[in-house]
Amino acid sequence: IETTGMADPAPVAQTFFVDERTTAFARLDGIVTLIDAKHIERALDQEKAEGAENEAVEQVAFADRLLLNKTDLVKPEDLDRVEKRLKSIN
């Protein structure tokens, strides 16, 4: 199942555990999050209203695997910083 853009992964994953129709034919094996190396820091830094979750942080934290794309668009030192930051979240 692919969710385009910024989506909270928890409700999608929960479907695999609580919806009997879904659990009858499918199982959740893992969550892969595709990350735009050029723009992820802006998304991670985005301020949210009190009580609202930052979807980018949620997606990174919830993932079993992180797939970093657009790495050719950032400087090596910026990519190192992004990778360290992602590892600190997940």
PDB file of N, CA and C in Angstrom:
ATOM      1  N   ILE A   1       0.859  -1.169   0.000  1.00  0.00           N
ATOM      2  CA  ILE A   1       0.000   0.000   0.000  1.00  0.00           C
ATOM      3  C   ILE A   1       0.897   1.221   0.000  1.00  0.00           C
ATOM      4  N   GLU A   2       0.646   2.116  -0.889  1.00  0.00           N
ATOM      5  CA  GLU A   2       1.431   3.329  -0.993  1.00  0.00           C
ATOM      6  C   GLU A   2       0.553   4.504  -0.607  1.00  0.00           C
ATOM      7  N   THR A   3       1.080   5.354   0.263  1.00  0.00           N
ATOM      8  CA  THR A   3       0.371   6.588   0.595  1.00  0.00           C
ATOM      9  C   THR A   3       1.200   7.742   0.059  1.00  0.00           C
ATOM     10  N   THR A   4       0.632   8.516  -0.817  1.00  0.00           N
ATOM     11  CA  THR A   4       1.353   9.599  -1.463  1.00  0.00           C
ATOM     12  C   THR A   4       1.484  10.796  -0.530  1.00  0.00           C
ATOM     13  N   GLY A   5       2.670  11.375  -0.540  1.00  0.00           N
ATOM     14  CA  GLY A   5       2.884  12.594   0.224  1.00  0.00           C
ATOM     15  C   GLY A   5       3.028  12.339   1.710  1.00  0.00           C
ATOM     16  N   MET A   6       2.622  13.306   2.474  1.00  0.00           N
ATOM     17  CA  MET A   6       2.786  13.262   3.918  1.00  0.00           C
ATOM     18  C   MET A   6       1.539  12.663   4.557  1.00  0.00           C
ATOM     19  N   ALA A   7       1.672  11.451   5.022  1.00  0.00           N
ATOM     20  CA  ALA A   7       0.551  10.773   5.669  1.00  0.00           C
ATOM     21  C   ALA A   7       1.035  10.153   6.970  1.00  0.00           C
ATOM     22  N   ASP A   8       0.194  10.174   7.973  1.00  0.00           N
ATOM     23  CA  ASP A   8       0.508   9.515   9.235  1.00  0.00           C
ATOM     24  C   ASP A   8       0.433   8.013   8.995  1.00  0.00           C
ATOM     25  N   PRO A   9       1.532   7.289   9.170  1.00  0.00           N
ATOM     26  CA  PRO A   9       1.522   5.854   8.861  1.00  0.00           C
ATOM     27  C   PRO A   9       0.769   5.001   9.881  1.00  0.00           C
ATOM     28  N   ALA A  10       0.551   5.489  11.070  1.00  0.00           N
ATOM     29  CA  ALA A  10      -0.064   4.678  12.123  1.00  0.00           C
ATOM     30  C   ALA A  10      -1.464   4.176  11.752  1.00  0.00           C
ATOM     31  N   PRO A  11      -2.377   5.024  11.282  1.00  0.00           N
ATOM     32  CA  PRO A  11      -3.708   4.512  10.940  1.00  0.00           C
ATOM     33  C   PRO A  11      -3.680   3.481   9.810  1.00  0.00           C
ATOM     34  N   VAL A  12      -2.788   3.664   8.855  1.00  0.00           N
ATOM     35  CA  VAL A  12      -2.673   2.704   7.757  1.00  0.00           C
ATOM     36  C   VAL A  12      -2.194   1.366   8.307  1.00  0.00           C
ATOM     37  N   ALA A  13      -1.161   1.389   9.124  1.00  0.00           N
ATOM     38  CA  ALA A  13      -0.634   0.154   9.709  1.00  0.00           C
ATOM     39  C   ALA A  13      -1.664  -0.506  10.619  1.00  0.00           C
ATOM     40  N   GLN A  14      -2.388   0.277  11.354  1.00  0.00           N
ATOM     41  CA  GLN A  14      -3.389  -0.258  12.285  1.00  0.00           C
ATOM     42  C   GLN A  14      -4.447  -1.076  11.558  1.00  0.00           C
ATOM     43  N   THR A  15      -4.755  -0.699  10.333  1.00  0.00           N
ATOM     44  CA  THR A  15      -5.746  -1.427   9.536  1.00  0.00           C
ATOM     45  C   THR A  15      -5.395  -2.906   9.431  1.00  0.00           C
ATOM     46  N   PHE A  16      -4.094  -3.207   9.364  1.00  0.00           N
ATOM     47  CA  PHE A  16      -3.659  -4.590   9.213  1.00  0.00           C
ATOM     48  C   PHE A  16      -3.844  -5.416  10.488  1.00  0.00           C
ATOM     49  N   PHE A  17      -4.124  -4.766  11.586  1.00  0.00           N
ATOM     50  CA  PHE A  17      -4.271  -5.480  12.848  1.00  0.00           C
ATOM     51  C   PHE A  17      -5.705  -5.492  13.380  1.00  0.00           C
ATOM     52  N   VAL A  18      -6.511  -4.536  12.975  1.00  0.00           N
ATOM     53  CA  VAL A  18      -7.852  -4.431  13.558  1.00  0.00           C
ATOM     54  C   VAL A  18      -8.998  -4.709  12.588  1.00  0.00           C
ATOM     55  N   ASP A  19      -8.748  -4.592  11.299  1.00  0.00           N
ATOM     56  CA  ASP A  19      -9.802  -4.814  10.322  1.00  0.00           C
ATOM     57  C   ASP A  19      -9.801  -6.286   9.909  1.00  0.00           C
ATOM     58  N   GLU A  20     -10.842  -7.004  10.281  1.00  0.00           N
ATOM     59  CA  GLU A  20     -10.900  -8.447  10.030  1.00  0.00           C
ATOM     60  C   GLU A  20     -10.854  -8.791   8.542  1.00  0.00           C
ATOM     61  N   ARG A  21     -11.481  -7.971   7.726  1.00  0.00           N
ATOM     62  CA  ARG A  21     -11.452  -8.246   6.281  1.00  0.00           C
ATOM     63  C   ARG A  21     -10.030  -8.141   5.741  1.00  0.00           C
ATOM     64  N   THR A  22      -9.278  -7.175   6.228  1.00  0.00           N
ATOM     65  CA  THR A  22      -7.902  -7.005   5.767  1.00  0.00           C
ATOM     66  C   THR A  22      -7.012  -8.121   6.301  1.00  0.00           C
ATOM     67  N   THR A  23      -7.137  -8.443   7.569  1.00  0.00           N
ATOM     68  CA  THR A  23      -6.275  -9.479   8.150  1.00  0.00           C
ATOM     69  C   THR A  23      -6.555 -10.855   7.557  1.00  0.00           C
ATOM     70  N   ALA A  24      -7.701 -11.043   6.938  1.00  0.00           N
ATOM     71  CA  ALA A  24      -8.039 -12.330   6.326  1.00  0.00           C
ATOM     72  C   ALA A  24      -7.216 -12.596   5.062  1.00  0.00           C
ATOM     73  N   PHE A  25      -6.755 -11.533   4.395  1.00  0.00           N
ATOM     74  CA  PHE A  25      -6.038 -11.758   3.137  1.00  0.00           C
ATOM     75  C   PHE A  25      -4.685 -11.053   3.042  1.00  0.00           C
ATOM     76  N   ALA A  26      -4.328 -10.244   4.022  1.00  0.00           N
ATOM     77  CA  ALA A  26      -3.073  -9.500   3.928  1.00  0.00           C
ATOM     78  C   ALA A  26      -2.430  -9.355   5.305  1.00  0.00           C
ATOM     79  N   ARG A  27      -1.129  -9.169   5.287  1.00  0.00           N
ATOM     80  CA  ARG A  27      -0.418  -8.901   6.537  1.00  0.00           C
ATOM     81  C   ARG A  27       0.603  -7.795   6.291  1.00  0.00           C
ATOM     82  N   LEU A  28       0.888  -7.068   7.314  1.00  0.00           N
ATOM     83  CA  LEU A  28       1.879  -6.006   7.224  1.00  0.00           C
ATOM     84  C   LEU A  28       3.252  -6.606   7.479  1.00  0.00           C
ATOM     85  N   ASP A  29       4.115  -6.516   6.491  1.00  0.00           N
ATOM     86  CA  ASP A  29       5.452  -7.087   6.610  1.00  0.00           C
ATOM     87  C   ASP A  29       6.473  -6.016   6.988  1.00  0.00           C
ATOM     88  N   GLY A  30       6.209  -4.788   6.643  1.00  0.00           N
ATOM     89  CA  GLY A  30       7.129  -3.707   6.962  1.00  0.00           C
ATOM     90  C   GLY A  30       6.648  -2.395   6.379  1.00  0.00           C
ATOM     91  N   ILE A  31       7.277  -1.331   6.853  1.00  0.00           N
ATOM     92  CA  ILE A  31       6.943   0.008   6.373  1.00  0.00           C
ATOM     93  C   ILE A  31       8.213   0.633   5.813  1.00  0.00           C
ATOM     94  N   VAL A  32       8.154   1.006   4.543  1.00  0.00           N
ATOM     95  CA  VAL A  32       9.268   1.646   3.856  1.00  0.00           C
ATOM     96  C   VAL A  32       8.892   3.100   3.626  1.00  0.00           C
ATOM     97  N   THR A  33       9.780   3.996   4.024  1.00  0.00           N
ATOM     98  CA  THR A  33       9.530   5.422   3.825  1.00  0.00           C
ATOM     99  C   THR A  33      10.554   5.970   2.835  1.00  0.00           C
ATOM    100  N   LEU A  34      10.055   6.567   1.756  1.00  0.00           N
ATOM    101  CA  LEU A  34      10.892   7.198   0.740  1.00  0.00           C
ATOM    102  C   LEU A  34      11.128   8.639   1.166  1.00  0.00           C
ATOM    103  N   ILE A  35      12.399   9.031   1.228  1.00  0.00           N
ATOM    104  CA  ILE A  35      12.751  10.350   1.748  1.00  0.00           C
ATOM    105  C   ILE A  35      13.500  11.151   0.689  1.00  0.00           C
ATOM    106  N   ASP A  36      13.041  12.359   0.472  1.00  0.00           N
ATOM    107  CA  ASP A  36      13.655  13.304  -0.454  1.00  0.00           C
ATOM    108  C   ASP A  36      14.818  13.982   0.273  1.00  0.00           C
ATOM    109  N   ALA A  37      16.044  13.613  -0.076  1.00  0.00           N
ATOM    110  CA  ALA A  37      17.226  14.121   0.626  1.00  0.00           C
ATOM    111  C   ALA A  37      17.354  15.644   0.537  1.00  0.00           C
ATOM    112  N   LYS A  38      16.882  16.210  -0.541  1.00  0.00           N
ATOM    113  CA  LYS A  38      17.016  17.657  -0.725  1.00  0.00           C
ATOM    114  C   LYS A  38      16.055  18.463   0.143  1.00  0.00           C
ATOM    115  N   HIS A  39      14.865  17.906   0.436  1.00  0.00           N
ATOM    116  CA  HIS A  39      13.842  18.690   1.121  1.00  0.00           C
ATOM    117  C   HIS A  39      13.441  18.166   2.500  1.00  0.00           C
ATOM    118  N   ILE A  40      14.011  17.075   2.954  1.00  0.00           N
ATOM    119  CA  ILE A  40      13.561  16.464   4.207  1.00  0.00           C
ATOM    120  C   ILE A  40      13.788  17.361   5.416  1.00  0.00           C
ATOM    121  N   GLU A  41      14.877  18.082   5.450  1.00  0.00           N
ATOM    122  CA  GLU A  41      15.124  18.907   6.639  1.00  0.00           C
ATOM    123  C   GLU A  41      14.056  19.980   6.808  1.00  0.00           C
ATOM    124  N   ARG A  42      13.615  20.554   5.715  1.00  0.00           N
ATOM    125  CA  ARG A  42      12.541  21.561   5.793  1.00  0.00           C
ATOM    126  C   ARG A  42      11.277  20.921   6.369  1.00  0.00           C
ATOM    127  N   ALA A  43      10.970  19.714   5.929  1.00  0.00           N
ATOM    128  CA  ALA A  43       9.774  19.021   6.430  1.00  0.00           C
ATOM    129  C   ALA A  43       9.925  18.650   7.900  1.00  0.00           C
ATOM    130  N   LEU A  44      11.112  18.202   8.300  1.00  0.00           N
ATOM    131  CA  LEU A  44      11.339  17.839   9.700  1.00  0.00           C
ATOM    132  C   LEU A  44      11.267  19.051  10.621  1.00  0.00           C
ATOM    133  N   ASP A  45      11.657  20.208  10.101  1.00  0.00           N
ATOM    134  CA  ASP A  45      11.682  21.434  10.903  1.00  0.00           C
ATOM    135  C   ASP A  45      10.355  22.183  10.918  1.00  0.00           C
ATOM    136  N   GLN A  46       9.401  21.736  10.123  1.00  0.00           N
ATOM    137  CA  GLN A  46       8.128  22.443  10.008  1.00  0.00           C
ATOM    138  C   GLN A  46       7.420  22.505  11.362  1.00  0.00           C
ATOM    139  N   GLU A  47       7.054  23.713  11.763  1.00  0.00           N
ATOM    140  CA  GLU A  47       6.351  23.938  13.019  1.00  0.00           C
ATOM    141  C   GLU A  47       4.891  23.530  12.857  1.00  0.00           C
ATOM    142  N   LYS A  48       4.371  22.839  13.841  1.00  0.00           N
ATOM    143  CA  LYS A  48       2.970  22.411  13.821  1.00  0.00           C
ATOM    144  C   LYS A  48       2.247  23.043  15.004  1.00  0.00           C
ATOM    145  N   ALA A  49       0.952  23.140  14.875  1.00  0.00           N
ATOM    146  CA  ALA A  49       0.134  23.666  15.965  1.00  0.00           C
ATOM    147  C   ALA A  49       0.253  22.738  17.168  1.00  0.00           C
ATOM    148  N   GLU A  50       0.017  23.291  18.344  1.00  0.00           N
ATOM    149  CA  GLU A  50       0.093  22.494  19.569  1.00  0.00           C
ATOM    150  C   GLU A  50      -0.837  21.285  19.467  1.00  0.00           C
ATOM    151  N   GLY A  51      -0.297  20.127  19.760  1.00  0.00           N
ATOM    152  CA  GLY A  51      -1.068  18.897  19.706  1.00  0.00           C
ATOM    153  C   GLY A  51      -1.030  18.205  18.347  1.00  0.00           C
ATOM    154  N   ALA A  52      -0.555  18.900  17.319  1.00  0.00           N
ATOM    155  CA  ALA A  52      -0.459  18.316  15.977  1.00  0.00           C
ATOM    156  C   ALA A  52       0.908  17.666  15.814  1.00  0.00           C
ATOM    157  N   GLU A  53       0.930  16.554  15.106  1.00  0.00           N
ATOM    158  CA  GLU A  53       2.174  15.830  14.882  1.00  0.00           C
ATOM    159  C   GLU A  53       2.819  16.275  13.573  1.00  0.00           C
ATOM    160  N   ASN A  54       4.130  16.259  13.551  1.00  0.00           N
ATOM    161  CA  ASN A  54       4.865  16.511  12.320  1.00  0.00           C
ATOM    162  C   ASN A  54       4.887  15.200  11.542  1.00  0.00           C
ATOM    163  N   GLU A  55       4.200  15.158  10.402  1.00  0.00           N
ATOM    164  CA  GLU A  55       4.061  13.922   9.631  1.00  0.00           C
ATOM    165  C   GLU A  55       5.404  13.384   9.167  1.00  0.00           C
ATOM    166  N   ALA A  56       6.328  14.269   8.812  1.00  0.00           N
ATOM    167  CA  ALA A  56       7.643  13.817   8.353  1.00  0.00           C
ATOM    168  C   ALA A  56       8.370  13.070   9.466  1.00  0.00           C
ATOM    169  N   VAL A  57       8.336  13.609  10.664  1.00  0.00           N
ATOM    170  CA  VAL A  57       8.970  12.947  11.811  1.00  0.00           C
ATOM    171  C   VAL A  57       8.290  11.616  12.081  1.00  0.00           C
ATOM    172  N   GLU A  58       6.961  11.596  12.030  1.00  0.00           N
ATOM    173  CA  GLU A  58       6.206  10.362  12.262  1.00  0.00           C
ATOM    174  C   GLU A  58       6.582   9.289  11.238  1.00  0.00           C
ATOM    175  N   GLN A  59       6.675   9.673   9.979  1.00  0.00           N
ATOM    176  CA  GLN A  59       7.010   8.705   8.939  1.00  0.00           C
ATOM    177  C   GLN A  59       8.402   8.130   9.131  1.00  0.00           C
ATOM    178  N   VAL A  60       9.349   8.981   9.462  1.00  0.00           N
ATOM    179  CA  VAL A  60      10.723   8.511   9.678  1.00  0.00           C
ATOM    180  C   VAL A  60      10.776   7.600  10.903  1.00  0.00           C
ATOM    181  N   ALA A  61      10.137   8.000  11.965  1.00  0.00           N
ATOM    182  CA  ALA A  61      10.172   7.221  13.208  1.00  0.00           C
ATOM    183  C   ALA A  61       9.476   5.872  13.062  1.00  0.00           C
ATOM    184  N   PHE A  62       8.429   5.810  12.273  1.00  0.00           N
ATOM    185  CA  PHE A  62       7.592   4.616  12.154  1.00  0.00           C
ATOM    186  C   PHE A  62       8.168   3.575  11.187  1.00  0.00           C
ATOM    187  N   ALA A  63       9.086   3.995  10.313  1.00  0.00           N
ATOM    188  CA  ALA A  63       9.568   3.142   9.221  1.00  0.00           C
ATOM    189  C   ALA A  63      10.452   1.999   9.703  1.00  0.00           C
ATOM    190  N   ASP A  64      10.321   0.881   8.996  1.00  0.00           N
ATOM    191  CA  ASP A  64      11.251  -0.230   9.182  1.00  0.00           C
ATOM    192  C   ASP A  64      12.474  -0.038   8.292  1.00  0.00           C
ATOM    193  N   ARG A  65      12.270   0.610   7.166  1.00  0.00           N
ATOM    194  CA  ARG A  65      13.342   0.906   6.219  1.00  0.00           C
ATOM    195  C   ARG A  65      13.170   2.336   5.720  1.00  0.00           C
ATOM    196  N   LEU A  66      14.291   3.037   5.585  1.00  0.00           N
ATOM    197  CA  LEU A  66      14.299   4.378   5.017  1.00  0.00           C
ATOM    198  C   LEU A  66      15.023   4.315   3.682  1.00  0.00           C
ATOM    199  N   LEU A  67      14.408   4.835   2.644  1.00  0.00           N
ATOM    200  CA  LEU A  67      15.002   4.871   1.316  1.00  0.00           C
ATOM    201  C   LEU A  67      15.212   6.331   0.951  1.00  0.00           C
ATOM    202  N   LEU A  68      16.469   6.720   0.847  1.00  0.00           N
ATOM    203  CA  LEU A  68      16.836   8.111   0.607  1.00  0.00           C
ATOM    204  C   LEU A  68      17.044   8.326  -0.889  1.00  0.00           C
ATOM    205  N   ASN A  69      16.249   9.224  -1.484  1.00  0.00           N
ATOM    206  CA  ASN A  69      16.424   9.520  -2.905  1.00  0.00           C
ATOM    207  C   ASN A  69      16.853  10.970  -3.091  1.00  0.00           C
ATOM    208  N   LYS A  70      17.142  11.326  -4.332  1.00  0.00           N
ATOM    209  CA  LYS A  70      17.623  12.661  -4.710  1.00  0.00           C
ATOM    210  C   LYS A  70      18.939  13.002  -4.012  1.00  0.00           C
ATOM    211  N   THR A  71      19.713  11.987  -3.690  1.00  0.00           N
ATOM    212  CA  THR A  71      20.996  12.211  -3.017  1.00  0.00           C
ATOM    213  C   THR A  71      21.991  12.928  -3.931  1.00  0.00           C
ATOM    214  N   ASP A  72      21.770  12.838  -5.236  1.00  0.00           N
ATOM    215  CA  ASP A  72      22.641  13.523  -6.185  1.00  0.00           C
ATOM    216  C   ASP A  72      22.420  15.034  -6.193  1.00  0.00           C
ATOM    217  N   LEU A  73      21.376  15.488  -5.536  1.00  0.00           N
ATOM    218  CA  LEU A  73      21.045  16.918  -5.527  1.00  0.00           C
ATOM    219  C   LEU A  73      21.572  17.652  -4.299  1.00  0.00           C
ATOM    220  N   VAL A  74      22.255  16.935  -3.413  1.00  0.00           N
ATOM    221  CA  VAL A  74      22.778  17.573  -2.197  1.00  0.00           C
ATOM    222  C   VAL A  74      24.284  17.346  -2.097  1.00  0.00           C
ATOM    223  N   LYS A  75      24.935  18.264  -1.418  1.00  0.00           N
ATOM    224  CA  LYS A  75      26.374  18.148  -1.192  1.00  0.00           C
ATOM    225  C   LYS A  75      26.635  16.996  -0.224  1.00  0.00           C
ATOM    226  N   PRO A  76      27.810  16.368  -0.337  1.00  0.00           N
ATOM    227  CA  PRO A  76      28.133  15.251   0.556  1.00  0.00           C
ATOM    228  C   PRO A  76      28.006  15.600   2.040  1.00  0.00           C
ATOM    229  N   GLU A  77      28.419  16.786   2.427  1.00  0.00           N
ATOM    230  CA  GLU A  77      28.321  17.169   3.840  1.00  0.00           C
ATOM    231  C   GLU A  77      26.865  17.343   4.280  1.00  0.00           C
ATOM    232  N   ASP A  78      26.015  17.806   3.358  1.00  0.00           N
ATOM    233  CA  ASP A  78      24.591  17.928   3.669  1.00  0.00           C
ATOM    234  C   ASP A  78      23.951  16.549   3.782  1.00  0.00           C
ATOM    235  N   LEU A  79      24.350  15.639   2.909  1.00  0.00           N
ATOM    236  CA  LEU A  79      23.832  14.275   2.962  1.00  0.00           C
ATOM    237  C   LEU A  79      24.235  13.599   4.270  1.00  0.00           C
ATOM    238  N   ASP A  80      25.477  13.811   4.708  1.00  0.00           N
ATOM    239  CA  ASP A  80      25.927  13.261   5.994  1.00  0.00           C
ATOM    240  C   ASP A  80      25.063  13.783   7.136  1.00  0.00           C
ATOM    241  N   ARG A  81      24.768  15.082   7.121  1.00  0.00           N
ATOM    242  CA  ARG A  81      23.950  15.685   8.168  1.00  0.00           C
ATOM    243  C   ARG A  81      22.540  15.099   8.159  1.00  0.00           C
ATOM    244  N   VAL A  82      21.961  14.959   6.966  1.00  0.00           N
ATOM    245  CA  VAL A  82      20.613  14.394   6.825  1.00  0.00           C
ATOM    246  C   VAL A  82      20.596  12.965   7.350  1.00  0.00           C
ATOM    247  N   GLU A  83      21.570  12.156   6.958  1.00  0.00           N
ATOM    248  CA  GLU A  83      21.612  10.761   7.405  1.00  0.00           C
ATOM    249  C   GLU A  83      21.723  10.664   8.923  1.00  0.00           C
ATOM    250  N   LYS A  84      22.557  11.496   9.524  1.00  0.00           N
ATOM    251  CA  LYS A  84      22.688  11.495  10.980  1.00  0.00           C
ATOM    252  C   LYS A  84      21.383  11.887  11.652  1.00  0.00           C
ATOM    253  N   ARG A  85      20.739  12.874  11.085  1.00  0.00           N
ATOM    254  CA  ARG A  85      19.474  13.327  11.666  1.00  0.00           C
ATOM    255  C   ARG A  85      18.403  12.236  11.570  1.00  0.00           C
ATOM    256  N   LEU A  86      18.322  11.577  10.430  1.00  0.00           N
ATOM    257  CA  LEU A  86      17.350  10.507  10.266  1.00  0.00           C
ATOM    258  C   LEU A  86      17.632   9.355  11.235  1.00  0.00           C
ATOM    259  N   LYS A  87      18.892   9.027  11.399  1.00  0.00           N
ATOM    260  CA  LYS A  87      19.264   7.961  12.338  1.00  0.00           C
ATOM    261  C   LYS A  87      18.903   8.334  13.780  1.00  0.00           C
ATOM    262  N   SER A  88      18.950   9.611  14.100  1.00  0.00           N
ATOM    263  CA  SER A  88      18.597  10.028  15.463  1.00  0.00           C
ATOM    264  C   SER A  88      17.093   9.904  15.721  1.00  0.00           C
ATOM    265  N   ILE A  89      16.302   9.932  14.651  1.00  0.00           N
ATOM    266  CA  ILE A  89      14.853   9.793  14.784  1.00  0.00           C
ATOM    267  C   ILE A  89      14.454   8.321  14.744  1.00  0.00           C
ATOM    268  N   ASN A  90      15.136   7.545  13.903  1.00  0.00           N
ATOM    269  CA  ASN A  90      14.793   6.130  13.743  1.00  0.00           C
ATOM    270  C   ASN A  90      16.032   5.307  14.057  1.00  0.00           C
TER     271      ASN A  90
END
